Amino acid sequence: YGSPEQVAEEARRCVRDAAAGGGYFLTTSNCIYRGIPPINSITLSRVGKKYGRYPMNL
């Protein structure tokens, strides 16, 4: 849960900490749970598109 800003910060941290060397896949899990604000899922996707490309641009 959390705000879109918190989602973006955590997603960037995950990419930064886990993506080096390749093979990291940023995802929600196997579904998007009820009660999650749609903007948070959109934010996760946007962060992945912006920061989740190799070479890493964090």
PDB file of N, CA and C in Angstrom:
ATOM      1  N   TYR A   1       0.842  -1.168   0.000  1.00  0.00           N
ATOM      2  CA  TYR A   1       0.000   0.000   0.000  1.00  0.00           C
ATOM      3  C   TYR A   1       0.890   1.233   0.000  1.00  0.00           C
ATOM      4  N   GLY A   2       0.506   2.304   0.620  1.00  0.00           N
ATOM      5  CA  GLY A   2       1.340   3.496   0.642  1.00  0.00           C
ATOM      6  C   GLY A   2       0.981   4.451  -0.478  1.00  0.00           C
ATOM      7  N   SER A   3       1.652   5.570  -0.465  1.00  0.00           N
ATOM      8  CA  SER A   3       1.422   6.601  -1.478  1.00  0.00           C
ATOM      9  C   SER A   3       2.171   6.242  -2.759  1.00  0.00           C
ATOM     10  N   PRO A   4       1.791   6.857  -3.878  1.00  0.00           N
ATOM     11  CA  PRO A   4       2.543   6.633  -5.110  1.00  0.00           C
ATOM     12  C   PRO A   4       4.028   6.985  -4.959  1.00  0.00           C
ATOM     13  N   GLU A   5       4.323   8.013  -4.178  1.00  0.00           N
ATOM     14  CA  GLU A   5       5.716   8.393  -3.957  1.00  0.00           C
ATOM     15  C   GLU A   5       6.468   7.293  -3.213  1.00  0.00           C
ATOM     16  N   GLN A   6       5.822   6.670  -2.226  1.00  0.00           N
ATOM     17  CA  GLN A   6       6.449   5.573  -1.487  1.00  0.00           C
ATOM     18  C   GLN A   6       6.653   4.355  -2.384  1.00  0.00           C
ATOM     19  N   VAL A   7       5.670   4.079  -3.234  1.00  0.00           N
ATOM     20  CA  VAL A   7       5.791   2.965  -4.179  1.00  0.00           C
ATOM     21  C   VAL A   7       6.968   3.212  -5.115  1.00  0.00           C
ATOM     22  N   ALA A   8       7.081   4.426  -5.643  1.00  0.00           N
ATOM     23  CA  ALA A   8       8.173   4.753  -6.562  1.00  0.00           C
ATOM     24  C   ALA A   8       9.526   4.622  -5.869  1.00  0.00           C
ATOM     25  N   GLU A   9       9.630   5.118  -4.651  1.00  0.00           N
ATOM     26  CA  GLU A   9      10.891   5.040  -3.912  1.00  0.00           C
ATOM     27  C   GLU A   9      11.288   3.582  -3.663  1.00  0.00           C
ATOM     28  N   GLU A  10      10.346   2.770  -3.235  1.00  0.00           N
ATOM     29  CA  GLU A  10      10.643   1.361  -2.959  1.00  0.00           C
ATOM     30  C   GLU A  10      10.972   0.597  -4.238  1.00  0.00           C
ATOM     31  N   ALA A  11      10.269   0.883  -5.312  1.00  0.00           N
ATOM     32  CA  ALA A  11      10.546   0.212  -6.586  1.00  0.00           C
ATOM     33  C   ALA A  11      11.938   0.571  -7.092  1.00  0.00           C
ATOM     34  N   ARG A  12      12.325   1.834  -6.985  1.00  0.00           N
ATOM     35  CA  ARG A  12      13.680   2.237  -7.383  1.00  0.00           C
ATOM     36  C   ARG A  12      14.727   1.534  -6.522  1.00  0.00           C
ATOM     37  N   ARG A  13      14.446   1.403  -5.224  1.00  0.00           N
ATOM     38  CA  ARG A  13      15.369   0.704  -4.332  1.00  0.00           C
ATOM     39  C   ARG A  13      15.506  -0.755  -4.747  1.00  0.00           C
ATOM     40  N   CYS A  14      14.394  -1.403  -5.063  1.00  0.00           N
ATOM     41  CA  CYS A  14      14.439  -2.805  -5.494  1.00  0.00           C
ATOM     42  C   CYS A  14      15.265  -2.961  -6.764  1.00  0.00           C
ATOM     43  N   VAL A  15      15.043  -2.094  -7.731  1.00  0.00           N
ATOM     44  CA  VAL A  15      15.810  -2.161  -8.983  1.00  0.00           C
ATOM     45  C   VAL A  15      17.284  -1.916  -8.696  1.00  0.00           C
ATOM     46  N   ARG A  16      17.575  -0.900  -7.916  1.00  0.00           N
ATOM     47  CA  ARG A  16      18.972  -0.566  -7.599  1.00  0.00           C
ATOM     48  C   ARG A  16      19.682  -1.734  -6.899  1.00  0.00           C
ATOM     49  N   ASP A  17      19.009  -2.340  -5.926  1.00  0.00           N
ATOM     50  CA  ASP A  17      19.645  -3.367  -5.103  1.00  0.00           C
ATOM     51  C   ASP A  17      19.687  -4.744  -5.757  1.00  0.00           C
ATOM     52  N   ALA A  18      18.746  -5.044  -6.641  1.00  0.00           N
ATOM     53  CA  ALA A  18      18.638  -6.419  -7.143  1.00  0.00           C
ATOM     54  C   ALA A  18      18.930  -6.592  -8.626  1.00  0.00           C
ATOM     55  N   ALA A  19      18.934  -5.530  -9.392  1.00  0.00           N
ATOM     56  CA  ALA A  19      19.002  -5.689 -10.847  1.00  0.00           C
ATOM     57  C   ALA A  19      20.407  -5.753 -11.418  1.00  0.00           C
ATOM     58  N   ALA A  20      21.400  -5.383 -10.645  1.00  0.00           N
ATOM     59  CA  ALA A  20      22.776  -5.412 -11.171  1.00  0.00           C
ATOM     60  C   ALA A  20      23.123  -6.816 -11.650  1.00  0.00           C
ATOM     61  N   GLY A  21      23.683  -6.900 -12.822  1.00  0.00           N
ATOM     62  CA  GLY A  21      24.069  -8.196 -13.373  1.00  0.00           C
ATOM     63  C   GLY A  21      22.999  -8.854 -14.219  1.00  0.00           C
ATOM     64  N   GLY A  22      21.805  -8.296 -14.225  1.00  0.00           N
ATOM     65  CA  GLY A  22      20.731  -8.825 -15.066  1.00  0.00           C
ATOM     66  C   GLY A  22      19.874  -9.865 -14.372  1.00  0.00           C
ATOM     67  N   GLY A  23      18.763 -10.180 -14.989  1.00  0.00           N
ATOM     68  CA  GLY A  23      17.884 -11.232 -14.509  1.00  0.00           C
ATOM     69  C   GLY A  23      16.817 -10.805 -13.521  1.00  0.00           C
ATOM     70  N   TYR A  24      16.745  -9.534 -13.151  1.00  0.00           N
ATOM     71  CA  TYR A  24      15.734  -9.075 -12.192  1.00  0.00           C
ATOM     72  C   TYR A  24      14.458  -8.720 -12.938  1.00  0.00           C
ATOM     73  N   PHE A  25      13.316  -9.100 -12.369  1.00  0.00           N
ATOM     74  CA  PHE A  25      12.021  -8.826 -12.980  1.00  0.00           C
ATOM     75  C   PHE A  25      11.166  -8.088 -11.970  1.00  0.00           C
ATOM     76  N   LEU A  26      10.900  -6.807 -12.191  1.00  0.00           N
ATOM     77  CA  LEU A  26      10.086  -5.987 -11.295  1.00  0.00           C
ATOM     78  C   LEU A  26       8.619  -6.274 -11.570  1.00  0.00           C
ATOM     79  N   THR A  27       7.903  -6.765 -10.571  1.00  0.00           N
ATOM     80  CA  THR A  27       6.497  -7.117 -10.742  1.00  0.00           C
ATOM     81  C   THR A  27       5.761  -7.036  -9.412  1.00  0.00           C
ATOM     82  N   THR A  28       4.440  -7.033  -9.468  1.00  0.00           N
ATOM     83  CA  THR A  28       3.627  -6.979  -8.255  1.00  0.00           C
ATOM     84  C   THR A  28       3.600  -8.316  -7.536  1.00  0.00           C
ATOM     85  N   SER A  29       3.632  -9.368  -8.216  1.00  0.00           N
ATOM     86  CA  SER A  29       3.630 -10.782  -7.814  1.00  0.00           C
ATOM     87  C   SER A  29       2.853 -11.492  -8.901  1.00  0.00           C
ATOM     88  N   ASN A  30       1.878 -12.297  -8.532  1.00  0.00           N
ATOM     89  CA  ASN A  30       1.107 -12.974  -9.571  1.00  0.00           C
ATOM     90  C   ASN A  30      -0.226 -12.291  -9.858  1.00  0.00           C
ATOM     91  N   CYS A  31      -0.521 -11.191  -9.152  1.00  0.00           N
ATOM     92  CA  CYS A  31      -1.774 -10.463  -9.384  1.00  0.00           C
ATOM     93  C   CYS A  31      -1.676  -9.079  -8.743  1.00  0.00           C
ATOM     94  N   ILE A  32      -2.674  -8.268  -9.001  1.00  0.00           N
ATOM     95  CA  ILE A  32      -2.803  -6.981  -8.324  1.00  0.00           C
ATOM     96  C   ILE A  32      -3.954  -7.144  -7.348  1.00  0.00           C
ATOM     97  N   TYR A  33      -3.687  -6.983  -6.071  1.00  0.00           N
ATOM     98  CA  TYR A  33      -4.674  -7.255  -5.042  1.00  0.00           C
ATOM     99  C   TYR A  33      -5.737  -6.176  -4.956  1.00  0.00           C
ATOM    100  N   ARG A  34      -6.937  -6.586  -4.554  1.00  0.00           N
ATOM    101  CA  ARG A  34      -8.017  -5.641  -4.291  1.00  0.00           C
ATOM    102  C   ARG A  34      -7.583  -4.666  -3.218  1.00  0.00           C
ATOM    103  N   GLY A  35      -8.014  -3.461  -3.330  1.00  0.00           N
ATOM    104  CA  GLY A  35      -7.690  -2.460  -2.330  1.00  0.00           C
ATOM    105  C   GLY A  35      -6.427  -1.673  -2.634  1.00  0.00           C
ATOM    106  N   ILE A  36      -5.637  -2.142  -3.582  1.00  0.00           N
ATOM    107  CA  ILE A  36      -4.450  -1.391  -3.983  1.00  0.00           C
ATOM    108  C   ILE A  36      -4.914  -0.280  -4.924  1.00  0.00           C
ATOM    109  N   PRO A  37      -4.608   0.966  -4.614  1.00  0.00           N
ATOM    110  CA  PRO A  37      -5.022   2.038  -5.515  1.00  0.00           C
ATOM    111  C   PRO A  37      -4.418   1.827  -6.910  1.00  0.00           C
ATOM    112  N   PRO A  38      -5.218   1.945  -7.954  1.00  0.00           N
ATOM    113  CA  PRO A  38      -4.701   1.745  -9.311  1.00  0.00           C
ATOM    114  C   PRO A  38      -3.470   2.595  -9.618  1.00  0.00           C
ATOM    115  N   ILE A  39      -3.395   3.799  -9.066  1.00  0.00           N
ATOM    116  CA  ILE A  39      -2.242   4.660  -9.339  1.00  0.00           C
ATOM    117  C   ILE A  39      -0.953   4.029  -8.835  1.00  0.00           C
ATOM    118  N   ASN A  40      -1.019   3.207  -7.792  1.00  0.00           N
ATOM    119  CA  ASN A  40       0.192   2.557  -7.291  1.00  0.00           C
ATOM    120  C   ASN A  40       0.709   1.523  -8.285  1.00  0.00           C
ATOM    121  N   SER A  41      -0.184   0.789  -8.924  1.00  0.00           N
ATOM    122  CA  SER A  41       0.238  -0.167  -9.956  1.00  0.00           C
ATOM    123  C   SER A  41       0.801   0.560 -11.169  1.00  0.00           C
ATOM    124  N   ILE A  42       0.173   1.663 -11.530  1.00  0.00           N
ATOM    125  CA  ILE A  42       0.659   2.471 -12.649  1.00  0.00           C
ATOM    126  C   ILE A  42       2.040   3.035 -12.317  1.00  0.00           C
ATOM    127  N   THR A  43       2.211   3.496 -11.089  1.00  0.00           N
ATOM    128  CA  THR A  43       3.500   4.032 -10.655  1.00  0.00           C
ATOM    129  C   THR A  43       4.583   2.970 -10.734  1.00  0.00           C
ATOM    130  N   LEU A  44       4.301   1.758 -10.282  1.00  0.00           N
ATOM    131  CA  LEU A  44       5.272   0.665 -10.355  1.00  0.00           C
ATOM    132  C   LEU A  44       5.689   0.418 -11.800  1.00  0.00           C
ATOM    133  N   SER A  45       4.722   0.398 -12.695  1.00  0.00           N
ATOM    134  CA  SER A  45       5.013   0.183 -14.110  1.00  0.00           C
ATOM    135  C   SER A  45       5.881   1.307 -14.674  1.00  0.00           C
ATOM    136  N   ARG A  46       5.571   2.532 -14.323  1.00  0.00           N
ATOM    137  CA  ARG A  46       6.349   3.677 -14.819  1.00  0.00           C
ATOM    138  C   ARG A  46       7.787   3.642 -14.316  1.00  0.00           C
ATOM    139  N   VAL A  47       7.962   3.285 -13.053  1.00  0.00           N
ATOM    140  CA  VAL A  47       9.320   3.181 -12.509  1.00  0.00           C
ATOM    141  C   VAL A  47      10.090   2.094 -13.244  1.00  0.00           C
ATOM    142  N   GLY A  48       9.443   0.962 -13.493  1.00  0.00           N
ATOM    143  CA  GLY A  48      10.099  -0.117 -14.226  1.00  0.00           C
ATOM    144  C   GLY A  48      10.530   0.313 -15.611  1.00  0.00           C
ATOM    145  N   LYS A  49       9.676   1.043 -16.293  1.00  0.00           N
ATOM    146  CA  LYS A  49      10.013   1.514 -17.640  1.00  0.00           C
ATOM    147  C   LYS A  49      11.148   2.534 -17.613  1.00  0.00           C
ATOM    148  N   LYS A  50      11.162   3.375 -16.586  1.00  0.00           N
ATOM    149  CA  LYS A  50      12.173   4.432 -16.521  1.00  0.00           C
ATOM    150  C   LYS A  50      13.531   3.918 -16.040  1.00  0.00           C
ATOM    151  N   TYR A  51      13.540   3.092 -15.005  1.00  0.00           N
ATOM    152  CA  TYR A  51      14.796   2.690 -14.367  1.00  0.00           C
ATOM    153  C   TYR A  51      15.185   1.240 -14.627  1.00  0.00           C
ATOM    154  N   GLY A  52      14.293   0.454 -15.178  1.00  0.00           N
ATOM    155  CA  GLY A  52      14.553  -0.973 -15.299  1.00  0.00           C
ATOM    156  C   GLY A  52      15.120  -1.409 -16.628  1.00  0.00           C
ATOM    157  N   ARG A  53      15.920  -0.593 -17.245  1.00  0.00           N
ATOM    158  CA  ARG A  53      16.551  -0.941 -18.525  1.00  0.00           C
ATOM    159  C   ARG A  53      18.058  -1.000 -18.336  1.00  0.00           C
ATOM    160  N   TYR A  54      18.654  -1.896 -19.071  1.00  0.00           N
ATOM    161  CA  TYR A  54      20.113  -2.032 -19.010  1.00  0.00           C
ATOM    162  C   TYR A  54      20.742  -1.223 -20.133  1.00  0.00           C
ATOM    163  N   PRO A  55      21.831  -0.529 -19.911  1.00  0.00           N
ATOM    164  CA  PRO A  55      22.530  -0.420 -18.642  1.00  0.00           C
ATOM    165  C   PRO A  55      21.711   0.405 -17.653  1.00  0.00           C
ATOM    166  N   MET A  56      21.840   0.087 -16.379  1.00  0.00           N
ATOM    167  CA  MET A  56      21.052   0.738 -15.337  1.00  0.00           C
ATOM    168  C   MET A  56      21.378   2.227 -15.299  1.00  0.00           C
ATOM    169  N   ASN A  57      20.336   3.045 -15.117  1.00  0.00           N
ATOM    170  CA  ASN A  57      20.539   4.500 -15.076  1.00  0.00           C
ATOM    171  C   ASN A  57      20.113   5.086 -13.737  1.00  0.00           C
ATOM    172  N   LEU A  58      20.389   4.368 -12.667  1.00  0.00           N
ATOM    173  CA  LEU A  58      20.071   4.878 -11.334  1.00  0.00           C
ATOM    174  C   LEU A  58      21.177   5.776 -10.918  1.00  0.00           C
TER     175      LEU A  58
END
